[in-house]
């Protein structure tokens, strides 16, 4: 009976050490989590800023192209008044933002 209690105790001891090592790894990983989250957040902020620049560039491109089309000679060559400008004028008016 004494040998059984000793082997059970030894088995529990070994298991607790192994579990303890795994628990320590989990604790260490948890301690590093705020740094990882800060890095992820910084990447998200950077991506959002770049997307904002892209959106602004697309907006400016739409305005430029609509102005170019509105002023092109093809849209006013045969018509008086130059109604060919209306579609681009509407697009330009729709996409313009009020100045702050």
C-alpha atoms as a PDB file:
ATOM      1  CA  UNK A   1       0.000   0.000   0.000  1.00  0.00           C
ATOM      2  CA  UNK A   2       2.862   2.300   0.795  1.00  0.00           C
ATOM      3  CA  UNK A   3       4.391   1.710  -2.663  1.00  0.00           C
ATOM      4  CA  UNK A   4       1.085   2.565  -4.340  1.00  0.00           C
ATOM      5  CA  UNK A   5       0.746   5.819  -2.396  1.00  0.00           C
ATOM      6  CA  UNK A   6       4.336   6.689  -3.232  1.00  0.00           C
ATOM      7  CA  UNK A   7       3.899   6.008  -6.959  1.00  0.00           C
ATOM      8  CA  UNK A   8       0.618   7.938  -7.030  1.00  0.00           C
ATOM      9  CA  UNK A   9       2.286  10.851  -5.279  1.00  0.00           C
ATOM     10  CA  UNK A  10       5.249  10.714  -7.679  1.00  0.00           C
ATOM     11  CA  UNK A  11       2.897  10.583 -10.688  1.00  0.00           C
ATOM     12  CA  UNK A  12       0.934  13.570  -9.410  1.00  0.00           C
ATOM     13  CA  UNK A  13       4.184  15.428  -8.785  1.00  0.00           C
ATOM     14  CA  UNK A  14       5.432  14.800 -12.332  1.00  0.00           C
ATOM     15  CA  UNK A  15       2.073  15.783 -13.835  1.00  0.00           C
ATOM     16  CA  UNK A  16       1.954  18.978 -11.770  1.00  0.00           C
ATOM     17  CA  UNK A  17       5.449  19.935 -12.934  1.00  0.00           C
ATOM     18  CA  UNK A  18       4.530  19.356 -16.566  1.00  0.00           C
ATOM     19  CA  UNK A  19       1.274  21.288 -16.193  1.00  0.00           C
ATOM     20  CA  UNK A  20       3.097  24.011 -14.315  1.00  0.00           C
ATOM     21  CA  UNK A  21       5.556  24.473 -17.178  1.00  0.00           C
ATOM     22  CA  UNK A  22       2.674  24.781 -19.633  1.00  0.00           C
ATOM     23  CA  UNK A  23       0.945  27.229 -17.342  1.00  0.00           C
ATOM     24  CA  UNK A  24       4.115  29.299 -17.108  1.00  0.00           C
ATOM     25  CA  UNK A  25       4.346  29.398 -20.901  1.00  0.00           C
ATOM     26  CA  UNK A  26       0.746  30.595 -21.061  1.00  0.00           C
ATOM     27  CA  UNK A  27       1.468  33.273 -18.448  1.00  0.00           C
ATOM     28  CA  UNK A  28       4.522  34.462 -20.369  1.00  0.00           C
ATOM     29  CA  UNK A  29       2.554  34.594 -23.605  1.00  0.00           C
ATOM     30  CA  UNK A  30      -0.188  36.566 -21.863  1.00  0.00           C
ATOM     31  CA  UNK A  31       2.352  39.090 -20.568  1.00  0.00           C
ATOM     32  CA  UNK A  32       3.553  39.698 -24.136  1.00  0.00           C
ATOM     33  CA  UNK A  33       0.024  40.188 -25.471  1.00  0.00           C
ATOM     34  CA  UNK A  34      -0.254  43.985 -24.862  1.00  0.00           C
ATOM     35  CA  UNK A  35       2.887  44.596 -26.937  1.00  0.00           C
ATOM     36  CA  UNK A  36       1.529  42.445 -29.749  1.00  0.00           C
ATOM     37  CA  UNK A  37      -1.841  44.203 -29.609  1.00  0.00           C
ATOM     38  CA  UNK A  38      -0.139  47.617 -29.715  1.00  0.00           C
ATOM     39  CA  UNK A  39       1.789  46.540 -32.797  1.00  0.00           C
ATOM     40  CA  UNK A  40      -1.375  45.288 -34.464  1.00  0.00           C
ATOM     41  CA  UNK A  41      -3.217  48.510 -33.619  1.00  0.00           C
ATOM     42  CA  UNK A  42      -0.370  50.607 -35.055  1.00  0.00           C
ATOM     43  CA  UNK A  43      -0.564  48.625 -38.308  1.00  0.00           C
ATOM     44  CA  UNK A  44      -4.332  49.146 -38.468  1.00  0.00           C
ATOM     45  CA  UNK A  45      -3.935  52.896 -37.963  1.00  0.00           C
ATOM     46  CA  UNK A  46      -1.256  53.044 -40.687  1.00  0.00           C
ATOM     47  CA  UNK A  47      -3.461  51.057 -43.085  1.00  0.00           C
ATOM     48  CA  UNK A  48      -6.431  53.345 -42.415  1.00  0.00           C
ATOM     49  CA  UNK A  49      -4.300  56.428 -43.103  1.00  0.00           C
ATOM     50  CA  UNK A  50      -3.093  54.958 -46.388  1.00  0.00           C
ATOM     51  CA  UNK A  51      -6.662  54.057 -47.352  1.00  0.00           C
ATOM     52  CA  UNK A  52      -7.689  57.644 -46.611  1.00  0.00           C
ATOM     53  CA  UNK A  53      -4.985  58.913 -48.978  1.00  0.00           C
ATOM     54  CA  UNK A  54      -6.145  56.490 -51.662  1.00  0.00           C
ATOM     55  CA  UNK A  55      -9.773  57.560 -51.250  1.00  0.00           C
ATOM     56  CA  UNK A  56      -8.773  61.223 -51.524  1.00  0.00           C
ATOM     57  CA  UNK A  57      -6.712  60.532 -54.655  1.00  0.00           C
ATOM     58  CA  UNK A  58      -9.646  58.723 -56.280  1.00  0.00           C
ATOM     59  CA  UNK A  59     -11.940  61.636 -55.414  1.00  0.00           C
ATOM     60  CA  UNK A  60      -9.531  64.128 -56.976  1.00  0.00           C
ATOM     61  CA  UNK A  61      -9.178  61.940 -60.057  1.00  0.00           C
ATOM     62  CA  UNK A  62     -12.969  61.877 -60.536  1.00  0.00           C
ATOM     63  CA  UNK A  63     -13.085  65.667 -60.285  1.00  0.00           C
ATOM     64  CA  UNK A  64     -10.225  66.096 -62.750  1.00  0.00           C
ATOM     65  CA  UNK A  65     -11.645  63.672 -65.297  1.00  0.00           C
ATOM     66  CA  UNK A  66     -15.119  65.170 -65.110  1.00  0.00           C
ATOM     67  CA  UNK A  67     -13.672  68.665 -65.633  1.00  0.00           C
ATOM     68  CA  UNK A  68     -11.559  67.458 -68.557  1.00  0.00           C
ATOM     69  CA  UNK A  69     -14.568  65.779 -70.146  1.00  0.00           C
ATOM     70  CA  UNK A  70     -16.727  68.818 -69.541  1.00  0.00           C
ATOM     71  CA  UNK A  71     -14.221  71.094 -71.263  1.00  0.00           C
ATOM     72  CA  UNK A  72     -13.355  68.736 -74.116  1.00  0.00           C
ATOM     73  CA  UNK A  73     -14.153  69.956 -77.598  1.00  0.00           C
ATOM     74  CA  UNK A  74     -16.030  66.746 -78.444  1.00  0.00           C
ATOM     75  CA  UNK A  75     -18.765  67.688 -76.004  1.00  0.00           C
ATOM     76  CA  UNK A  76     -19.386  71.125 -77.456  1.00  0.00           C
ATOM     77  CA  UNK A  77     -18.349  70.751 -81.089  1.00  0.00           C
ATOM     78  CA  UNK A  78     -21.744  70.215 -82.717  1.00  0.00           C
ATOM     79  CA  UNK A  79     -24.173  71.371 -80.105  1.00  0.00           C
ATOM     80  CA  UNK A  80     -25.344  74.856 -79.244  1.00  0.00           C
ATOM     81  CA  UNK A  81     -25.785  75.160 -76.347  1.00  0.00           C
ATOM     82  CA  UNK A  82     -23.145  72.544 -75.447  1.00  0.00           C
ATOM     83  CA  UNK A  83     -25.425  70.025 -73.741  1.00  0.00           C
ATOM     84  CA  UNK A  84     -22.693  67.388 -73.991  1.00  0.00           C
ATOM     85  CA  UNK A  85     -21.196  68.992 -70.907  1.00  0.00           C
ATOM     86  CA  UNK A  86     -24.210  68.225 -68.746  1.00  0.00           C
ATOM     87  CA  UNK A  87     -23.290  64.672 -67.732  1.00  0.00           C
ATOM     88  CA  UNK A  88     -19.772  65.599 -66.644  1.00  0.00           C
ATOM     89  CA  UNK A  89     -21.026  68.789 -65.019  1.00  0.00           C
ATOM     90  CA  UNK A  90     -23.504  66.772 -62.950  1.00  0.00           C
ATOM     91  CA  UNK A  91     -20.780  64.299 -61.976  1.00  0.00           C
ATOM     92  CA  UNK A  92     -18.446  67.132 -61.005  1.00  0.00           C
ATOM     93  CA  UNK A  93     -21.160  68.842 -58.980  1.00  0.00           C
ATOM     94  CA  UNK A  94     -22.118  65.581 -57.262  1.00  0.00           C
ATOM     95  CA  UNK A  95     -18.551  64.706 -56.266  1.00  0.00           C
ATOM     96  CA  UNK A  96     -17.438  68.115 -55.048  1.00  0.00           C
ATOM     97  CA  UNK A  97     -17.262  68.604 -51.321  1.00  0.00           C
ATOM     98  CA  UNK A  98     -18.124  71.853 -49.590  1.00  0.00           C
ATOM     99  CA  UNK A  99     -15.147  73.784 -48.284  1.00  0.00           C
ATOM    100  CA  UNK A 100     -14.829  73.889 -44.537  1.00  0.00           C
END
